[in-house]
Amino acid sequence: LSFAGAGTHQARKLRQMAGNAVSNGLPYEAGLAAMTVSPVVIFALGED
């Protein structure tokens, strides 16, 4: 899982949106992974 949808001009608000996912049951570490390591895996950017 990862997040998108904040738009180009408001992309910086995506972390607040992720916080809403956590407040609705997503584990905190899973929310943080969705903003960091998970999109790296999704788009095959490498292990580094």
All heavy atoms as atom14 arrays in JSON, in Angstrom:
{
  "sequence": "LSFAGAGTHQARKLRQMAGNAVSNGLPYEAGLAAMTVSPVVIFALGED",
  "atom14_mask": [
    [1, 1, 1, 1, 1, 1, 1, 1, 0, 0, 0, 0, 0, 0],
    [1, 1, 1, 1, 1, 1, 0, 0, 0, 0, 0, 0, 0, 0],
    [1, 1, 1, 1, 1, 1, 1, 1, 1, 1, 1, 0, 0, 0],
    [1, 1, 1, 1, 1, 0, 0, 0, 0, 0, 0, 0, 0, 0],
    [1, 1, 1, 1, 0, 0, 0, 0, 0, 0, 0, 0, 0, 0],
    [1, 1, 1, 1, 1, 0, 0, 0, 0, 0, 0, 0, 0, 0],
    [1, 1, 1, 1, 0, 0, 0, 0, 0, 0, 0, 0, 0, 0],
    [1, 1, 1, 1, 1, 1, 1, 0, 0, 0, 0, 0, 0, 0],
    [1, 1, 1, 1, 1, 1, 1, 1, 1, 1, 0, 0, 0, 0],
    [1, 1, 1, 1, 1, 1, 1, 1, 1, 0, 0, 0, 0, 0],
    [1, 1, 1, 1, 1, 0, 0, 0, 0, 0, 0, 0, 0, 0],
    [1, 1, 1, 1, 1, 1, 1, 1, 1, 1, 1, 0, 0, 0],
    [1, 1, 1, 1, 1, 1, 1, 1, 1, 0, 0, 0, 0, 0],
    [1, 1, 1, 1, 1, 1, 1, 1, 0, 0, 0, 0, 0, 0],
    [1, 1, 1, 1, 1, 1, 1, 1, 1, 1, 1, 0, 0, 0],
    [1, 1, 1, 1, 1, 1, 1, 1, 1, 0, 0, 0, 0, 0],
    [1, 1, 1, 1, 1, 1, 1, 1, 0, 0, 0, 0, 0, 0],
    [1, 1, 1, 1, 1, 0, 0, 0, 0, 0, 0, 0, 0, 0],
    [1, 1, 1, 1, 0, 0, 0, 0, 0, 0, 0, 0, 0, 0],
    [1, 1, 1, 1, 1, 1, 1, 1, 0, 0, 0, 0, 0, 0],
    [1, 1, 1, 1, 1, 0, 0, 0, 0, 0, 0, 0, 0, 0],
    [1, 1, 1, 1, 1, 1, 1, 0, 0, 0, 0, 0, 0, 0],
    [1, 1, 1, 1, 1, 1, 0, 0, 0, 0, 0, 0, 0, 0],
    [1, 1, 1, 1, 1, 1, 1, 1, 0, 0, 0, 0, 0, 0],
    [1, 1, 1, 1, 0, 0, 0, 0, 0, 0, 0, 0, 0, 0],
    [1, 1, 1, 1, 1, 1, 1, 1, 0, 0, 0, 0, 0, 0],
    [1, 1, 1, 1, 1, 1, 1, 0, 0, 0, 0, 0, 0, 0],
    [1, 1, 1, 1, 1, 1, 1, 1, 1, 1, 1, 1, 0, 0],
    [1, 1, 1, 1, 1, 1, 1, 1, 1, 0, 0, 0, 0, 0],
    [1, 1, 1, 1, 1, 0, 0, 0, 0, 0, 0, 0, 0, 0],
    [1, 1, 1, 1, 0, 0, 0, 0, 0, 0, 0, 0, 0, 0],
    [1, 1, 1, 1, 1, 1, 1, 1, 0, 0, 0, 0, 0, 0],
    [1, 1, 1, 1, 1, 0, 0, 0, 0, 0, 0, 0, 0, 0],
    [1, 1, 1, 1, 1, 0, 0, 0, 0, 0, 0, 0, 0, 0],
    [1, 1, 1, 1, 1, 1, 1, 1, 0, 0, 0, 0, 0, 0],
    [1, 1, 1, 1, 1, 1, 1, 0, 0, 0, 0, 0, 0, 0],
    [1, 1, 1, 1, 1, 1, 1, 0, 0, 0, 0, 0, 0, 0],
    [1, 1, 1, 1, 1, 1, 0, 0, 0, 0, 0, 0, 0, 0],
    [1, 1, 1, 1, 1, 1, 1, 0, 0, 0, 0, 0, 0, 0],
    [1, 1, 1, 1, 1, 1, 1, 0, 0, 0, 0, 0, 0, 0],
    [1, 1, 1, 1, 1, 1, 1, 0, 0, 0, 0, 0, 0, 0],
    [1, 1, 1, 1, 1, 1, 1, 1, 0, 0, 0, 0, 0, 0],
    [1, 1, 1, 1, 1, 1, 1, 1, 1, 1, 1, 0, 0, 0],
    [1, 1, 1, 1, 1, 0, 0, 0, 0, 0, 0, 0, 0, 0],
    [1, 1, 1, 1, 1, 1, 1, 1, 0, 0, 0, 0, 0, 0],
    [1, 1, 1, 1, 0, 0, 0, 0, 0, 0, 0, 0, 0, 0],
    [1, 1, 1, 1, 1, 1, 1, 1, 1, 0, 0, 0, 0, 0],
    [1, 1, 1, 1, 1, 1, 1, 1, 0, 0, 0, 0, 0, 0]
  ],
  "atom14_positions": [
    [[0.82, -1.21, 0.0], [0.0, 0.0, 0.0], [0.85, 1.26, 0.0], [1.9, 1.33, 0.64], [-0.88, -0.01, 1.26], [-1.8, 1.16, 1.52], [-2.97, 1.14, 0.55], [-2.3, 1.12, 2.96], [0.0, 0.0, 0.0], [0.0, 0.0, 0.0], [0.0, 0.0, 0.0], [0.0, 0.0, 0.0], [0.0, 0.0, 0.0], [0.0, 0.0, 0.0]],
    [[0.39, 2.27, -0.73], [0.95, 3.6, -0.63], [-0.18, 4.61, -0.85], [-1.34, 4.22, -1.02], [2.08, 3.82, -1.63], [2.73, 5.06, -1.39], [0.0, 0.0, 0.0], [0.0, 0.0, 0.0], [0.0, 0.0, 0.0], [0.0, 0.0, 0.0], [0.0, 0.0, 0.0], [0.0, 0.0, 0.0], [0.0, 0.0, 0.0], [0.0, 0.0, 0.0]],
    [[0.18, 5.89, -0.84], [-0.82, 6.95, -0.93], [-0.55, 7.86, -2.12], [0.58, 8.08, -2.52], [-0.84, 7.79, 0.35], [-1.15, 7.0, 1.59], [-0.24, 6.94, 2.64], [-2.35, 6.32, 1.71], [-0.52, 6.22, 3.78], [-2.64, 5.59, 2.84], [-1.72, 5.54, 3.89], [0.0, 0.0, 0.0], [0.0, 0.0, 0.0], [0.0, 0.0, 0.0]],
    [[-1.62, 8.41, -2.66], [-1.56, 9.43, -3.68], [-2.86, 10.2, -3.58], [-3.74, 9.87, -2.78], [-1.38, 8.81, -5.07], [0.0, 0.0, 0.0], [0.0, 0.0, 0.0], [0.0, 0.0, 0.0], [0.0, 0.0, 0.0], [0.0, 0.0, 0.0], [0.0, 0.0, 0.0], [0.0, 0.0, 0.0], [0.0, 0.0, 0.0], [0.0, 0.0, 0.0]],
    [[-3.02, 11.23, -4.38], [-4.31, 11.93, -4.41], [-4.3, 13.31, -3.82], [-5.32, 14.01, -3.88], [0.0, 0.0, 0.0], [0.0, 0.0, 0.0], [0.0, 0.0, 0.0], [0.0, 0.0, 0.0], [0.0, 0.0, 0.0], [0.0, 0.0, 0.0], [0.0, 0.0, 0.0], [0.0, 0.0, 0.0], [0.0, 0.0, 0.0], [0.0, 0.0, 0.0]],
    [[-3.17, 13.76, -3.25], [-3.14, 15.12, -2.7], [-3.04, 16.16, -3.81], [-3.31, 17.34, -3.59], [-1.97, 15.28, -1.73], [0.0, 0.0, 0.0], [0.0, 0.0, 0.0], [0.0, 0.0, 0.0], [0.0, 0.0, 0.0], [0.0, 0.0, 0.0], [0.0, 0.0, 0.0], [0.0, 0.0, 0.0], [0.0, 0.0, 0.0], [0.0, 0.0, 0.0]],
    [[-2.66, 15.7, -5.0], [-2.53, 16.62, -6.13], [-1.13, 17.18, -6.22], [-0.3, 17.05, -5.31], [0.0, 0.0, 0.0], [0.0, 0.0, 0.0], [0.0, 0.0, 0.0], [0.0, 0.0, 0.0], [0.0, 0.0, 0.0], [0.0, 0.0, 0.0], [0.0, 0.0, 0.0], [0.0, 0.0, 0.0], [0.0, 0.0, 0.0], [0.0, 0.0, 0.0]],
    [[-0.85, 17.84, -7.32], [0.48, 18.37, -7.57], [0.79, 19.58, -6.7], [1.85, 19.68, -6.08], [0.62, 18.74, -9.06], [0.45, 17.56, -9.85], [1.99, 19.36, -9.35], [0.0, 0.0, 0.0], [0.0, 0.0, 0.0], [0.0, 0.0, 0.0], [0.0, 0.0, 0.0], [0.0, 0.0, 0.0], [0.0, 0.0, 0.0], [0.0, 0.0, 0.0]],
    [[-0.13, 20.53, -6.62], [0.12, 21.75, -5.88], [-0.04, 21.59, -4.37], [0.38, 22.45, -3.6], [-0.81, 22.86, -6.39], [-0.5, 23.3, -7.78], [-0.95, 22.61, -8.89], [0.23, 24.34, -8.26], [-0.52, 23.22, -9.98], [0.2, 24.26, -9.63], [0.0, 0.0, 0.0], [0.0, 0.0, 0.0], [0.0, 0.0, 0.0], [0.0, 0.0, 0.0]],
    [[-0.65, 20.48, -3.94], [-0.84, 20.23, -2.51], [-0.18, 18.91, -2.09], [-0.56, 18.33, -1.07], [-2.34, 20.18, -2.19], [-3.12, 21.42, -2.57], [-2.74, 22.65, -1.75], [-2.25, 22.51, -0.63], [-2.95, 23.83, -2.29], [0.0, 0.0, 0.0], [0.0, 0.0, 0.0], [0.0, 0.0, 0.0], [0.0, 0.0, 0.0], [0.0, 0.0, 0.0]],
    [[0.81, 18.47, -2.83], [1.42, 17.17, -2.55], [1.96, 17.1, -1.13], [1.95, 16.03, -0.5], [2.55, 16.89, -3.55], [0.0, 0.0, 0.0], [0.0, 0.0, 0.0], [0.0, 0.0, 0.0], [0.0, 0.0, 0.0], [0.0, 0.0, 0.0], [0.0, 0.0, 0.0], [0.0, 0.0, 0.0], [0.0, 0.0, 0.0], [0.0, 0.0, 0.0]],
    [[2.4, 18.22, -0.59], [2.98, 18.24, 0.76], [1.97, 17.86, 1.83], [2.35, 17.55, 2.97], [3.55, 19.62, 1.06], [2.5, 20.73, 1.09], [3.15, 22.11, 1.08], [2.17, 23.17, 1.16], [1.47, 23.62, 0.13], [1.64, 23.07, -1.07], [0.61, 24.59, 0.28], [0.0, 0.0, 0.0], [0.0, 0.0, 0.0], [0.0, 0.0, 0.0]],
    [[0.67, 17.87, 1.5], [-0.35, 17.51, 2.49], [-0.62, 16.01, 2.55], [-1.46, 15.56, 3.33], [-1.65, 18.26, 2.18], [-1.52, 19.77, 2.35], [-2.86, 20.49, 2.2], [-2.7, 21.98, 2.47], [-3.99, 22.7, 2.36], [0.0, 0.0, 0.0], [0.0, 0.0, 0.0], [0.0, 0.0, 0.0], [0.0, 0.0, 0.0], [0.0, 0.0, 0.0]],
    [[0.12, 15.26, 1.75], [-0.13, 13.81, 1.71], [0.16, 13.16, 3.06], [-0.47, 12.17, 3.43], [0.72, 13.17, 0.61], [0.35, 11.74, 0.2], [-1.07, 11.69, -0.32], [1.32, 11.22, -0.85], [0.0, 0.0, 0.0], [0.0, 0.0, 0.0], [0.0, 0.0, 0.0], [0.0, 0.0, 0.0], [0.0, 0.0, 0.0], [0.0, 0.0, 0.0]],
    [[1.1, 13.69, 3.83], [1.39, 13.08, 5.13], [0.22, 13.27, 6.1], [-0.02, 12.42, 6.96], [2.69, 13.61, 5.71], [2.74, 15.08, 6.02], [4.18, 15.48, 6.4], [4.31, 16.91, 6.62], [4.2, 17.49, 7.81], [3.93, 16.76, 8.88], [4.36, 18.79, 7.94], [0.0, 0.0, 0.0], [0.0, 0.0, 0.0], [0.0, 0.0, 0.0]],
    [[-0.5, 14.39, 5.97], [-1.69, 14.59, 6.81], [-2.78, 13.59, 6.39], [-3.5, 13.06, 7.24], [-2.2, 16.02, 6.66], [-1.21, 17.05, 7.18], [-1.58, 18.46, 6.78], [-1.73, 18.75, 5.58], [-1.72, 19.34, 7.74], [0.0, 0.0, 0.0], [0.0, 0.0, 0.0], [0.0, 0.0, 0.0], [0.0, 0.0, 0.0], [0.0, 0.0, 0.0]],
    [[-2.87, 13.32, 5.1], [-3.83, 12.33, 4.62], [-3.48, 10.94, 5.13], [-4.34, 10.17, 5.52], [-3.87, 12.38, 3.1], [-4.4, 13.71, 2.55], [-4.06, 13.96, 0.78], [-5.1, 12.71, 0.06], [0.0, 0.0, 0.0], [0.0, 0.0, 0.0], [0.0, 0.0, 0.0], [0.0, 0.0, 0.0], [0.0, 0.0, 0.0], [0.0, 0.0, 0.0]],
    [[-2.17, 10.65, 5.16], [-1.73, 9.37, 5.7], [-2.1, 9.26, 7.17], [-2.47, 8.19, 7.67], [-0.22, 9.22, 5.53], [0.0, 0.0, 0.0], [0.0, 0.0, 0.0], [0.0, 0.0, 0.0], [0.0, 0.0, 0.0], [0.0, 0.0, 0.0], [0.0, 0.0, 0.0], [0.0, 0.0, 0.0], [0.0, 0.0, 0.0], [0.0, 0.0, 0.0]],
    [[-2.0, 10.38, 7.88], [-2.41, 10.39, 9.28], [-3.87, 10.05, 9.46], [-4.25, 9.39, 10.45], [0.0, 0.0, 0.0], [0.0, 0.0, 0.0], [0.0, 0.0, 0.0], [0.0, 0.0, 0.0], [0.0, 0.0, 0.0], [0.0, 0.0, 0.0], [0.0, 0.0, 0.0], [0.0, 0.0, 0.0], [0.0, 0.0, 0.0], [0.0, 0.0, 0.0]],
    [[-4.7, 10.45, 8.51], [-6.12, 10.08, 8.57], [-6.3, 8.58, 8.38], [-7.19, 7.97, 8.99], [-6.91, 10.86, 7.51], [-7.27, 12.26, 7.96], [-8.32, 12.49, 8.53], [-6.36, 13.18, 7.73], [0.0, 0.0, 0.0], [0.0, 0.0, 0.0], [0.0, 0.0, 0.0], [0.0, 0.0, 0.0], [0.0, 0.0, 0.0], [0.0, 0.0, 0.0]],
    [[-5.49, 7.97, 7.52], [-5.57, 6.52, 7.34], [-5.2, 5.81, 8.64], [-5.83, 4.82, 9.03], [-4.63, 6.07, 6.21], [0.0, 0.0, 0.0], [0.0, 0.0, 0.0], [0.0, 0.0, 0.0], [0.0, 0.0, 0.0], [0.0, 0.0, 0.0], [0.0, 0.0, 0.0], [0.0, 0.0, 0.0], [0.0, 0.0, 0.0], [0.0, 0.0, 0.0]],
    [[-4.19, 6.33, 9.35], [-3.79, 5.75, 10.63], [-4.9, 5.93, 11.66], [-5.21, 5.02, 12.43], [-2.47, 6.39, 11.12], [-2.15, 5.96, 12.54], [-1.33, 6.0, 10.18], [0.0, 0.0, 0.0], [0.0, 0.0, 0.0], [0.0, 0.0, 0.0], [0.0, 0.0, 0.0], [0.0, 0.0, 0.0], [0.0, 0.0, 0.0], [0.0, 0.0, 0.0]],
    [[-5.55, 7.1, 11.65], [-6.63, 7.32, 12.61], [-7.84, 6.45, 12.32], [-8.71, 6.28, 13.18], [-7.05, 8.8, 12.61], [-7.71, 9.15, 11.41], [0.0, 0.0, 0.0], [0.0, 0.0, 0.0], [0.0, 0.0, 0.0], [0.0, 0.0, 0.0], [0.0, 0.0, 0.0], [0.0, 0.0, 0.0], [0.0, 0.0, 0.0], [0.0, 0.0, 0.0]],
    [[-7.88, 5.86, 11.13], [-8.99, 4.97, 10.76], [-8.54, 3.51, 10.68], [-9.09, 2.73, 9.91], [-9.62, 5.42, 9.44], [-10.5, 6.64, 9.61], [-11.66, 6.53, 10.01], [-9.96, 7.81, 9.33], [0.0, 0.0, 0.0], [0.0, 0.0, 0.0], [0.0, 0.0, 0.0], [0.0, 0.0, 0.0], [0.0, 0.0, 0.0], [0.0, 0.0, 0.0]],
    [[-7.55, 3.16, 11.49], [-7.23, 1.75, 11.68], [-5.94, 1.24, 11.09], [-5.53, 0.11, 11.38], [0.0, 0.0, 0.0], [0.0, 0.0, 0.0], [0.0, 0.0, 0.0], [0.0, 0.0, 0.0], [0.0, 0.0, 0.0], [0.0, 0.0, 0.0], [0.0, 0.0, 0.0], [0.0, 0.0, 0.0], [0.0, 0.0, 0.0], [0.0, 0.0, 0.0]],
    [[-5.27, 2.0, 10.21], [-4.01, 1.54, 9.65], [-2.92, 1.65, 10.71], [-2.76, 2.72, 11.32], [-3.63, 2.4, 8.43], [-2.35, 1.98, 7.69], [-2.53, 0.65, 6.98], [-1.94, 3.07, 6.68], [0.0, 0.0, 0.0], [0.0, 0.0, 0.0], [0.0, 0.0, 0.0], [0.0, 0.0, 0.0], [0.0, 0.0, 0.0], [0.0, 0.0, 0.0]],
    [[-2.17, 0.6, 11.0], [-1.09, 0.69, 11.99], [-0.11, 1.8, 11.64], [0.2, 2.03, 10.47], [-0.43, -0.68, 11.93], [-1.51, -1.6, 11.44], [-2.31, -0.78, 10.47], [0.0, 0.0, 0.0], [0.0, 0.0, 0.0], [0.0, 0.0, 0.0], [0.0, 0.0, 0.0], [0.0, 0.0, 0.0], [0.0, 0.0, 0.0], [0.0, 0.0, 0.0]],
    [[0.41, 2.47, 12.68], [1.29, 3.62, 12.47], [2.48, 3.27, 11.59], [2.8, 3.98, 10.64], [1.78, 4.15, 13.82], [2.65, 5.37, 13.72], [2.1, 6.65, 13.75], [4.04, 5.27, 13.57], [2.89, 7.78, 13.65], [4.84, 6.38, 13.47], [4.27, 7.64, 13.51], [5.06, 8.75, 13.4], [0.0, 0.0, 0.0], [0.0, 0.0, 0.0]],
    [[3.16, 2.16, 11.89], [4.34, 1.79, 11.12], [3.98, 1.46, 9.68], [4.77, 1.7, 8.76], [5.07, 0.63, 11.79], [5.84, 1.02, 13.04], [6.9, 2.07, 12.77], [7.67, 1.91, 11.8], [6.95, 3.06, 13.51], [0.0, 0.0, 0.0], [0.0, 0.0, 0.0], [0.0, 0.0, 0.0], [0.0, 0.0, 0.0], [0.0, 0.0, 0.0]],
    [[2.78, 0.91, 9.46], [2.33, 0.63, 8.09], [2.09, 1.93, 7.34], [2.36, 2.04, 6.14], [1.07, -0.22, 8.11], [0.0, 0.0, 0.0], [0.0, 0.0, 0.0], [0.0, 0.0, 0.0], [0.0, 0.0, 0.0], [0.0, 0.0, 0.0], [0.0, 0.0, 0.0], [0.0, 0.0, 0.0], [0.0, 0.0, 0.0], [0.0, 0.0, 0.0]],
    [[1.57, 2.93, 8.05], [1.36, 4.24, 7.44], [2.67, 4.88, 7.06], [2.81, 5.48, 5.98], [0.0, 0.0, 0.0], [0.0, 0.0, 0.0], [0.0, 0.0, 0.0], [0.0, 0.0, 0.0], [0.0, 0.0, 0.0], [0.0, 0.0, 0.0], [0.0, 0.0, 0.0], [0.0, 0.0, 0.0], [0.0, 0.0, 0.0], [0.0, 0.0, 0.0]],
    [[3.68, 4.77, 7.94], [5.0, 5.32, 7.65], [5.66, 4.57, 6.51], [6.3, 5.17, 5.63], [5.87, 5.28, 8.9], [7.18, 6.05, 8.86], [6.94, 7.51, 8.5], [7.89, 5.96, 10.2], [0.0, 0.0, 0.0], [0.0, 0.0, 0.0], [0.0, 0.0, 0.0], [0.0, 0.0, 0.0], [0.0, 0.0, 0.0], [0.0, 0.0, 0.0]],
    [[5.49, 3.25, 6.47], [6.03, 2.46, 5.36], [5.41, 2.88, 4.04], [6.08, 2.92, 3.0], [5.8, 0.97, 5.62], [0.0, 0.0, 0.0], [0.0, 0.0, 0.0], [0.0, 0.0, 0.0], [0.0, 0.0, 0.0], [0.0, 0.0, 0.0], [0.0, 0.0, 0.0], [0.0, 0.0, 0.0], [0.0, 0.0, 0.0], [0.0, 0.0, 0.0]],
    [[4.11, 3.19, 4.07], [3.4, 3.6, 2.86], [3.93, 4.92, 2.3], [3.71, 5.22, 1.12], [1.91, 3.71, 3.13], [0.0, 0.0, 0.0], [0.0, 0.0, 0.0], [0.0, 0.0, 0.0], [0.0, 0.0, 0.0], [0.0, 0.0, 0.0], [0.0, 0.0, 0.0], [0.0, 0.0, 0.0], [0.0, 0.0, 0.0], [0.0, 0.0, 0.0]],
    [[4.63, 5.69, 3.14], [5.19, 6.96, 2.7], [6.67, 6.86, 2.34], [7.26, 7.81, 1.83], [5.03, 8.01, 3.82], [3.6, 8.29, 4.21], [2.69, 9.13, 2.91], [3.44, 10.75, 2.98], [0.0, 0.0, 0.0], [0.0, 0.0, 0.0], [0.0, 0.0, 0.0], [0.0, 0.0, 0.0], [0.0, 0.0, 0.0], [0.0, 0.0, 0.0]],
    [[7.3, 5.71, 2.64], [8.75, 5.6, 2.49], [9.16, 4.37, 1.68], [9.35, 4.43, 0.48], [9.42, 5.57, 3.88], [8.83, 4.52, 4.68], [9.25, 6.91, 4.6], [0.0, 0.0, 0.0], [0.0, 0.0, 0.0], [0.0, 0.0, 0.0], [0.0, 0.0, 0.0], [0.0, 0.0, 0.0], [0.0, 0.0, 0.0], [0.0, 0.0, 0.0]],
    [[9.22, 3.21, 2.35], [9.78, 2.03, 1.7], [8.8, 1.36, 0.74], [9.21, 0.81, -0.29], [10.29, 1.02, 2.77], [9.14, 0.44, 3.58], [11.13, -0.07, 2.13], [0.0, 0.0, 0.0], [0.0, 0.0, 0.0], [0.0, 0.0, 0.0], [0.0, 0.0, 0.0], [0.0, 0.0, 0.0], [0.0, 0.0, 0.0], [0.0, 0.0, 0.0]],
    [[7.5, 1.39, 1.04], [6.53, 0.69, 0.17], [6.5, 1.24, -1.25], [6.51, 0.45, -2.21], [5.14, 0.71, 0.8], [5.12, -0.08, 1.97], [0.0, 0.0, 0.0], [0.0, 0.0, 0.0], [0.0, 0.0, 0.0], [0.0, 0.0, 0.0], [0.0, 0.0, 0.0], [0.0, 0.0, 0.0], [0.0, 0.0, 0.0], [0.0, 0.0, 0.0]],
    [[6.44, 2.57, -1.47], [6.46, 3.05, -2.86], [7.76, 2.73, -3.58], [7.76, 2.56, -4.81], [6.24, 4.56, -2.72], [6.55, 4.88, -1.3], [6.21, 3.66, -0.52], [0.0, 0.0, 0.0], [0.0, 0.0, 0.0], [0.0, 0.0, 0.0], [0.0, 0.0, 0.0], [0.0, 0.0, 0.0], [0.0, 0.0, 0.0], [0.0, 0.0, 0.0]],
    [[8.87, 2.62, -2.84], [10.14, 2.2, -3.45], [10.0, 0.78, -3.99], [10.45, 0.47, -5.1], [11.28, 2.28, -2.42], [12.53, 1.58, -2.94], [11.6, 3.74, -2.1], [0.0, 0.0, 0.0], [0.0, 0.0, 0.0], [0.0, 0.0, 0.0], [0.0, 0.0, 0.0], [0.0, 0.0, 0.0], [0.0, 0.0, 0.0], [0.0, 0.0, 0.0]],
    [[9.36, -0.09, -3.2], [9.13, -1.47, -3.65], [8.15, -1.49, -4.81], [8.36, -2.2, -5.81], [8.58, -2.31, -2.48], [8.15, -3.69, -2.96], [9.64, -2.44, -1.39], [0.0, 0.0, 0.0], [0.0, 0.0, 0.0], [0.0, 0.0, 0.0], [0.0, 0.0, 0.0], [0.0, 0.0, 0.0], [0.0, 0.0, 0.0], [0.0, 0.0, 0.0]],
    [[7.08, -0.72, -4.71], [6.04, -0.71, -5.75], [6.62, -0.33, -7.1], [6.3, -0.94, -8.13], [4.9, 0.26, -5.35], [4.1, -0.32, -4.18], [3.99, 0.55, -6.54], [3.1, 0.65, -3.57], [0.0, 0.0, 0.0], [0.0, 0.0, 0.0], [0.0, 0.0, 0.0], [0.0, 0.0, 0.0], [0.0, 0.0, 0.0], [0.0, 0.0, 0.0]],
    [[7.5, 0.67, -7.12], [8.04, 1.16, -8.39], [9.44, 0.61, -8.67], [10.13, 1.11, -9.56], [8.03, 2.68, -8.42], [6.63, 3.25, -8.44], [6.12, 3.92, -7.34], [5.79, 3.06, -9.53], [4.83, 4.43, -7.35], [4.5, 3.56, -9.55], [4.02, 4.25, -8.45], [0.0, 0.0, 0.0], [0.0, 0.0, 0.0], [0.0, 0.0, 0.0]],
    [[9.84, -0.43, -7.92], [11.08, -1.18, -8.18], [12.29, -0.27, -8.31], [13.03, -0.32, -9.3], [10.9, -2.04, -9.44], [0.0, 0.0, 0.0], [0.0, 0.0, 0.0], [0.0, 0.0, 0.0], [0.0, 0.0, 0.0], [0.0, 0.0, 0.0], [0.0, 0.0, 0.0], [0.0, 0.0, 0.0], [0.0, 0.0, 0.0], [0.0, 0.0, 0.0]],
    [[12.52, 0.55, -7.28], [13.63, 1.51, -7.32], [14.91, 0.98, -6.72], [15.91, 1.7, -6.65], [13.21, 2.81, -6.62], [11.96, 3.5, -7.16], [11.76, 4.84, -6.49], [12.02, 3.67, -8.68], [0.0, 0.0, 0.0], [0.0, 0.0, 0.0], [0.0, 0.0, 0.0], [0.0, 0.0, 0.0], [0.0, 0.0, 0.0], [0.0, 0.0, 0.0]],
    [[14.9, -0.25, -6.23], [16.12, -0.85, -5.71], [16.1, -0.96, -4.19], [15.31, -0.32, -3.5], [0.0, 0.0, 0.0], [0.0, 0.0, 0.0], [0.0, 0.0, 0.0], [0.0, 0.0, 0.0], [0.0, 0.0, 0.0], [0.0, 0.0, 0.0], [0.0, 0.0, 0.0], [0.0, 0.0, 0.0], [0.0, 0.0, 0.0], [0.0, 0.0, 0.0]],
    [[17.02, -1.76, -3.67], [17.06, -2.03, -2.23], [17.82, -0.97, -1.45], [17.9, -1.05, -0.22], [17.69, -3.41, -1.99], [16.88, -4.56, -2.58], [17.5, -5.9, -2.29], [18.62, -5.93, -1.71], [16.88, -6.93, -2.64], [0.0, 0.0, 0.0], [0.0, 0.0, 0.0], [0.0, 0.0, 0.0], [0.0, 0.0, 0.0], [0.0, 0.0, 0.0]],
    [[18.39, 0.02, -2.12], [19.17, 1.03, -1.42], [18.41, 2.33, -1.21], [19.0, 3.38, -0.94], [20.48, 1.31, -2.16], [20.27, 1.83, -3.58], [19.12, 1.81, -4.06], [21.27, 2.25, -4.21], [0.0, 0.0, 0.0], [0.0, 0.0, 0.0], [0.0, 0.0, 0.0], [0.0, 0.0, 0.0], [0.0, 0.0, 0.0], [0.0, 0.0, 0.0]]
  ]
}
